[in-house]
Amino acid sequence: MLLSRVGCAFLSCLALGMVSSSASSVVVIQAIRGDQNHLFVPISINLQKQSWWLVDTGAPISTITETAARRASLQPPAGARRTSLQRLQPPEIAAKIPSSVKVEGREREVVIAQKIVSEGFDFGEEPMAVLRLDALEHERMRRVSQSFGNDGILGLPILKKYGALINCRTKQIFLNRNGGPLPVHRSAYEQMGFTYIPIKITPENHVEALGTIGTGEYSFLIDTGASTTLVLASIRQKERIPFYTERTTLVGVHHFNNPIVTSGLLHSFRLGNHDLSNSFVGFADLNLSQSEFTRPLGGIIGAEILWDHHAIIDLGNRALYLKARR
C-alpha cells in the first residue's frame, strides 16, 4: 500500500516535469511526521530490526544511540575497518574520518555503519557519532498515541551524498541512486507558486541561505531537525523586539553556552525573496562558528516554518523552495 502511494506521487512529479526521464536512478522514501514537525524515515542498520530515524539537515554528522550501536555491533574507524571505508570513499573524505567528534560540547565516539537500508535502498557505509537522543524520546507520531522508537539521526553528509530532495509537506525524500544532484527543474516549482532561494553547503556541513531582518542581512541555517525557528538574541536586542521567556531550553547536536529561549514576533523578516514577516520565533544565544557563513549568523530556520511554507529542500541542486502560507 505504501509503495503504491509513493509510486503514484512520483509519477505525478514526472508529469509535472519536476524530475526528468531518468526515473530508474531516483529513489523515493516515504517519511512520517512527528508532533514536533520532524520527519522520520524507517532505517535498518546492519540488517537489524527497523527503527525510525530523524531526517536532520542541521546535523553535520549522522548519529546513532548507544543501544542501537551495540545491537548492530558497530566498530570505530580503526585498523581494517578504516581501510575498508577508505576504499569506498573519496580520498579527501576518507582521510578526514575521525575516531571521535565534539557533539553537545563533549567528545563522542565515531563508529562505522556498514549497511544502512531504508525501504530497500542501501545508503552504504557511513560514520556516525554515538550519543543519547533524549530530546526525541518524547516525540510522538501523529495518529499514534504512544512514543515510538528512534535510534538515530540521518545527518547532512549522507543526505547530500545522494542529492536528497526533501518535500516537507508530502513527507517524501527523493534520492539519486547514483549520487549527485537529481534532474530537477526550477521553472516547474516557480510555475506552481514557489519562490526559489539559493542555498550553499558550508565547510562545516550546514545548509546556508541568506535573508534579512529589518535592514540587516544575515545567514540562516536550514534545519529540519530544529522543531522551531531560532534567531540570535542579539538581533532581538538590536531590533528592540518585545519578547517573553520560554520555559523550554535548547538541546541538540550543537553546544549552547546559554540554553535559555525567549520568543517574539518578527515584523520584518525575509529569506531570499520570500516574505516570512510576522513569524513567531524563538530567540537564543547560538554558539555556532561565524567564520563558515557568508554573512553574520542570523539564526536557524526550523521545521515549523518549513512546514508552514511548504518547503522543498533540494540539496543536490542547492535550492530551497518556499510557498506563501494560505
Protein backbone atom coordinates (compact mmCIF):
# COMPACT_ATOMS: atom_id res chain seq x y z
CA MET A 1 0.00 0.00 0.00
CA LEU A 2 2.75 2.44 0.93
CA LEU A 3 4.78 1.68 -2.19
CA SER A 4 1.72 2.21 -4.34
CA ARG A 5 1.11 5.68 -2.88
CA VAL A 6 4.76 6.62 -3.27
CA GLY A 7 4.79 5.42 -6.87
CA CYS A 8 1.72 7.49 -7.70
CA ALA A 9 3.22 10.57 -6.12
CA PHE A 10 6.43 10.14 -8.09
CA LEU A 11 4.54 9.71 -11.36
CA SER A 12 2.77 12.98 -10.59
CA CYS A 13 6.17 14.65 -10.23
CA LEU A 14 7.21 13.25 -13.59
CA ALA A 15 4.06 14.52 -15.25
CA LEU A 16 4.72 17.98 -13.85
CA GLY A 17 8.21 17.91 -15.33
CA MET A 18 9.79 18.30 -11.90
CA VAL A 19 12.01 15.26 -12.47
CA SER A 20 13.25 14.22 -15.91
CA SER A 21 13.09 10.83 -17.60
CA SER A 22 15.91 9.14 -15.63
CA ALA A 23 13.38 7.72 -13.17
CA SER A 24 15.23 4.45 -12.67
CA SER A 25 18.01 6.27 -10.80
CA VAL A 26 15.57 8.01 -8.44
CA VAL A 27 14.73 6.53 -5.04
CA VAL A 28 11.67 7.70 -3.09
CA ILE A 29 11.44 7.16 0.67
CA GLN A 30 8.18 7.94 2.45
CA ALA A 31 8.72 9.61 5.82
CA ILE A 32 6.32 10.11 8.71
CA ARG A 33 5.80 13.34 10.61
CA GLY A 34 6.17 13.65 14.37
CA ASP A 35 4.21 16.06 16.54
CA GLN A 36 7.18 18.47 16.52
CA ASN A 37 7.09 18.67 12.70
CA HIS A 38 10.14 16.41 12.41
CA LEU A 39 10.40 13.92 9.56
CA PHE A 40 11.35 10.31 10.33
CA VAL A 41 12.27 7.51 7.91
CA PRO A 42 12.47 3.74 8.54
CA ILE A 43 16.09 2.56 8.80
CA SER A 44 17.73 -0.82 9.34
CA ILE A 45 21.39 -0.84 10.43
CA ASN A 46 23.44 -3.93 9.52
CA LEU A 47 20.28 -5.98 8.94
CA GLN A 48 18.96 -5.26 12.45
CA LYS A 49 15.30 -4.58 13.23
CA GLN A 50 13.98 -1.45 11.54
CA SER A 51 13.51 1.73 13.59
CA TRP A 52 12.71 5.39 12.93
CA TRP A 53 15.46 7.91 12.19
CA LEU A 54 15.20 11.69 12.16
CA VAL A 55 15.99 13.43 8.85
CA ASP A 56 18.16 16.34 10.01
CA THR A 57 19.71 18.81 7.57
CA GLY A 58 21.13 20.66 10.59
CA ALA A 59 23.26 17.72 11.79
CA PRO A 60 26.84 17.88 10.44
CA ILE A 61 27.22 14.14 11.13
CA SER A 62 24.79 11.24 11.39
CA THR A 63 24.27 9.92 14.92
CA ILE A 64 23.18 6.64 16.49
CA THR A 65 22.15 5.75 20.03
CA GLU A 66 24.47 3.68 22.20
CA THR A 67 21.90 0.87 22.36
CA ALA A 68 21.48 0.71 18.58
CA ALA A 69 25.26 0.84 18.01
CA ARG A 70 25.78 -2.11 20.37
CA ARG A 71 22.92 -4.05 18.83
CA ALA A 72 24.42 -3.66 15.35
CA SER A 73 27.98 -4.38 16.61
CA LEU A 74 29.31 -1.14 15.13
CA GLN A 75 33.05 -0.55 15.42
CA PRO A 76 35.21 2.61 15.34
CA PRO A 77 37.08 3.58 12.14
CA ALA A 78 40.40 2.00 13.10
CA GLY A 79 42.68 -0.59 11.50
CA ALA A 80 40.98 -2.79 8.89
CA ARG A 81 37.60 -1.06 9.27
CA ARG A 82 39.10 2.34 8.44
CA THR A 83 40.91 0.88 5.44
CA SER A 84 37.70 -0.74 4.18
CA LEU A 85 35.82 2.54 4.45
CA GLN A 86 38.58 4.47 2.72
CA ARG A 87 38.35 2.17 -0.30
CA LEU A 88 34.73 3.25 -0.75
CA GLN A 89 35.20 6.96 0.00
CA PRO A 90 36.98 9.68 -2.00
CA PRO A 91 40.49 10.15 -0.55
CA GLU A 92 39.78 13.66 0.70
CA ILE A 93 36.78 12.37 2.68
CA ALA A 94 38.27 9.12 3.95
CA ALA A 95 41.31 10.89 5.35
CA LYS A 96 39.09 13.12 7.47
CA ILE A 97 37.11 10.39 9.28
CA PRO A 98 37.91 10.95 12.99
CA SER A 99 37.70 8.46 15.84
CA SER A 100 35.64 10.98 17.82
CA VAL A 101 33.78 14.26 17.29
CA LYS A 102 32.57 17.01 19.60
CA VAL A 103 28.79 16.96 19.96
CA GLU A 104 26.87 18.95 22.58
CA GLY A 105 30.23 20.21 23.86
CA ARG A 106 31.62 16.71 24.55
CA GLU A 107 33.79 14.27 22.63
CA ARG A 108 31.72 11.42 21.21
CA GLU A 109 32.90 8.13 19.75
CA VAL A 110 32.55 7.64 15.99
CA VAL A 111 31.56 4.22 14.65
CA ILE A 112 31.03 2.88 11.12
CA ALA A 113 27.68 1.53 9.97
CA GLN A 114 28.32 -0.86 7.07
CA LYS A 115 24.75 -1.22 5.84
CA ILE A 116 22.08 1.48 6.17
CA VAL A 117 18.84 0.44 4.45
CA SER A 118 15.55 2.34 4.06
CA GLU A 119 12.70 0.89 2.02
CA GLY A 120 15.11 -1.29 0.07
CA PHE A 121 17.72 1.40 -0.65
CA ASP A 122 21.18 0.86 0.84
CA PHE A 123 22.99 4.10 1.71
CA GLY A 124 26.25 2.15 2.13
CA GLU A 125 28.88 2.75 4.80
CA GLU A 126 28.72 5.88 6.89
CA PRO A 127 30.49 7.23 10.00
CA MET A 128 28.19 8.02 12.93
CA ALA A 129 28.62 9.70 16.28
CA VAL A 130 27.34 7.70 19.27
CA LEU A 131 25.19 9.65 21.70
CA ARG A 132 21.91 9.66 23.59
CA LEU A 133 18.87 11.18 21.89
CA ASP A 134 16.84 12.09 24.96
CA ALA A 135 15.14 15.05 23.24
CA LEU A 136 13.47 12.72 20.74
CA GLU A 137 12.16 10.21 23.27
CA HIS A 138 9.03 12.26 23.94
CA GLU A 139 8.15 12.88 20.30
CA ARG A 140 5.09 11.08 19.06
CA MET A 141 3.90 10.07 15.63
CA ARG A 142 0.72 11.70 14.51
CA ARG A 143 -2.25 9.34 14.91
CA VAL A 144 -0.23 7.13 17.28
CA SER A 145 -0.80 7.66 20.99
CA GLN A 146 2.45 6.29 22.41
CA SER A 147 6.07 7.30 21.88
CA PHE A 148 7.92 5.45 19.13
CA GLY A 149 11.45 4.09 18.88
CA ASN A 150 14.10 6.42 17.48
CA ASP A 151 17.59 5.02 17.04
CA GLY A 152 19.40 7.78 15.22
CA ILE A 153 19.70 10.84 13.01
CA LEU A 154 20.44 10.95 9.28
CA GLY A 155 22.72 13.96 9.03
CA LEU A 156 23.61 16.26 6.16
CA PRO A 157 26.63 14.34 4.77
CA ILE A 158 24.66 11.20 3.89
CA LEU A 159 21.72 13.26 2.56
CA LYS A 160 23.84 15.44 0.28
CA LYS A 161 25.81 12.41 -0.95
CA TYR A 162 22.68 11.23 -2.75
CA GLY A 163 21.44 14.71 -3.73
CA ALA A 164 18.45 14.45 -1.40
CA LEU A 165 15.32 16.44 -2.21
CA ILE A 166 13.11 16.75 0.88
CA ASN A 167 9.45 17.66 0.43
CA CYS A 168 8.35 18.74 3.90
CA ARG A 169 4.62 18.66 3.07
CA THR A 170 4.34 15.32 1.25
CA LYS A 171 6.92 13.87 3.67
CA GLN A 172 8.93 12.34 0.83
CA ILE A 173 12.69 12.08 0.40
CA PHE A 174 13.91 11.79 -3.21
CA LEU A 175 17.44 10.44 -3.72
CA ASN A 176 19.73 9.90 -6.68
CA ARG A 177 20.71 6.23 -6.51
CA ASN A 178 23.99 7.05 -8.27
CA GLY A 179 24.83 10.03 -6.09
CA GLY A 180 24.86 13.70 -7.01
CA PRO A 181 22.00 16.08 -7.87
CA LEU A 182 18.60 15.00 -9.12
CA PRO A 183 17.46 16.22 -12.57
CA VAL A 184 15.02 18.76 -11.12
CA HIS A 185 13.69 21.81 -12.96
CA ARG A 186 13.48 25.09 -11.05
CA SER A 187 10.94 26.54 -13.50
CA ALA A 188 8.37 23.85 -12.66
CA TYR A 189 8.37 24.83 -8.99
CA GLU A 190 8.16 28.53 -9.80
CA GLN A 191 5.15 27.86 -12.05
CA MET A 192 3.49 26.19 -9.05
CA GLY A 193 3.91 29.34 -6.97
CA PHE A 194 7.14 28.51 -5.14
CA THR A 195 9.87 31.07 -4.52
CA TYR A 196 13.38 29.89 -5.38
CA ILE A 197 16.03 30.58 -2.72
CA PRO A 198 19.67 29.60 -3.39
CA ILE A 199 21.43 27.65 -0.66
CA LYS A 200 25.01 26.56 -0.09
CA ILE A 201 26.69 23.85 1.98
CA THR A 202 29.25 25.37 4.34
CA PRO A 203 32.66 23.78 5.09
CA GLU A 204 31.24 22.59 8.45
CA ASN A 205 28.29 20.83 6.78
CA HIS A 206 25.50 23.31 7.40
CA VAL A 207 22.85 24.41 4.88
CA GLU A 208 23.03 28.19 4.49
CA ALA A 209 20.55 30.65 2.98
CA LEU A 210 20.68 34.44 3.05
CA GLY A 211 17.91 36.59 4.47
CA THR A 212 17.08 39.86 6.19
CA ILE A 213 15.64 41.00 9.48
CA GLY A 214 14.84 44.68 9.41
CA THR A 215 17.68 46.32 7.50
CA GLY A 216 20.27 43.70 8.44
CA GLU A 217 21.37 40.90 6.12
CA TYR A 218 22.19 37.55 7.73
CA SER A 219 22.99 33.91 7.06
CA PHE A 220 20.45 31.33 8.24
CA LEU A 221 20.77 27.56 8.75
CA ILE A 222 18.08 25.43 7.13
CA ASP A 223 17.49 22.80 9.80
CA THR A 224 14.80 20.11 9.54
CA GLY A 225 15.95 18.80 12.92
CA ALA A 226 15.05 22.01 14.77
CA SER A 227 11.38 21.98 15.77
CA THR A 228 11.22 25.79 15.95
CA THR A 229 12.93 28.71 14.27
CA LEU A 230 15.55 30.46 16.40
CA VAL A 231 17.02 33.92 15.85
CA LEU A 232 20.05 35.27 17.68
CA ALA A 233 19.14 37.09 20.89
CA SER A 234 21.49 39.91 19.88
CA ILE A 235 19.25 40.63 16.85
CA ARG A 236 16.20 40.76 19.13
CA GLN A 237 18.02 43.34 21.21
CA LYS A 238 19.15 45.34 18.17
CA GLU A 239 15.64 45.42 16.65
CA ARG A 240 14.05 46.04 20.08
CA ILE A 241 11.56 43.23 19.64
CA PRO A 242 9.13 42.62 22.54
CA PHE A 243 9.56 39.13 24.00
CA TYR A 244 8.75 36.76 26.81
CA THR A 245 10.84 33.97 28.32
CA GLU A 246 10.00 30.37 27.44
CA ARG A 247 10.04 27.51 29.93
CA THR A 248 11.97 25.32 27.50
CA THR A 249 15.73 25.27 26.97
CA LEU A 250 17.88 24.36 23.97
CA VAL A 251 19.13 20.82 23.35
CA GLY A 252 20.65 19.25 20.25
CA VAL A 253 23.81 18.35 18.40
CA HIS A 254 25.14 21.89 18.89
CA HIS A 255 26.71 23.09 22.14
CA PHE A 256 24.76 26.00 23.65
CA ASN A 257 26.55 28.09 26.29
CA ASN A 258 23.24 29.70 27.29
CA PRO A 259 20.25 27.42 26.60
CA ILE A 260 17.56 29.95 27.64
CA VAL A 261 14.96 30.75 24.94
CA THR A 262 12.77 33.84 24.57
CA SER A 263 10.01 34.33 21.98
CA GLY A 264 8.54 37.15 19.95
CA LEU A 265 7.12 38.34 16.62
CA LEU A 266 9.38 39.31 13.71
CA HIS A 267 7.57 42.03 11.76
CA SER A 268 10.21 42.36 9.02
CA PHE A 269 11.73 39.02 8.03
CA ARG A 270 12.69 37.65 4.61
CA LEU A 271 14.55 34.58 3.42
CA GLY A 272 15.89 35.30 -0.05
CA ASN A 273 12.93 36.83 -1.90
CA HIS A 274 10.36 35.04 0.24
CA ASP A 275 8.46 37.03 2.87
CA LEU A 276 8.41 35.50 6.36
CA SER A 277 7.24 38.65 8.11
CA ASN A 278 5.08 38.31 11.24
CA SER A 279 6.56 34.91 12.04
CA PHE A 280 6.58 33.98 15.73
CA VAL A 281 10.11 32.77 16.51
CA GLY A 282 12.41 31.95 19.39
CA PHE A 283 15.50 33.96 20.35
CA ALA A 284 18.63 32.38 21.80
CA ASP A 285 22.41 32.57 22.01
CA LEU A 286 23.54 30.15 19.30
CA ASN A 287 27.12 29.03 19.81
CA LEU A 288 27.98 28.39 16.14
CA SER A 289 31.13 29.44 14.30
CA GLN A 290 30.63 32.67 12.36
CA SER A 291 33.58 32.06 10.04
CA GLU A 292 31.85 29.40 7.91
CA PHE A 293 28.98 31.70 6.85
CA THR A 294 28.71 34.28 4.08
CA ARG A 295 27.05 36.86 6.34
CA PRO A 296 26.75 37.25 10.13
CA LEU A 297 24.70 34.37 11.50
CA GLY A 298 21.06 35.32 11.97
CA GLY A 299 19.63 32.05 13.22
CA ILE A 300 18.13 28.67 12.37
CA ILE A 301 15.09 28.13 10.14
CA GLY A 302 13.27 25.28 11.84
CA ALA A 303 10.68 22.68 10.94
CA GLU A 304 7.59 24.76 11.77
CA ILE A 305 8.41 27.43 9.16
CA LEU A 306 9.49 24.77 6.68
CA TRP A 307 6.13 23.02 7.16
CA ASP A 308 4.02 26.20 7.10
CA HIS A 309 5.70 27.44 3.90
CA HIS A 310 5.58 24.09 2.05
CA ALA A 311 9.39 23.82 1.93
CA ILE A 312 11.15 21.72 -0.67
CA ILE A 313 14.86 21.40 0.09
CA ASP A 314 16.94 20.33 -2.92
CA LEU A 315 20.41 19.61 -1.52
CA GLY A 316 21.85 18.33 -4.79
CA ASN A 317 20.94 21.43 -6.78
CA ARG A 318 21.50 23.76 -3.81
CA ALA A 319 17.97 25.15 -3.86
CA LEU A 320 15.22 25.86 -1.33
CA TYR A 321 11.64 26.42 -2.48
CA LEU A 322 9.04 28.11 -0.27
CA LYS A 323 5.40 28.98 -0.88
CA ALA A 324 3.29 31.60 0.88
CA ARG A 325 1.00 30.34 3.64
CA ARG A 326 -2.64 30.14 2.66
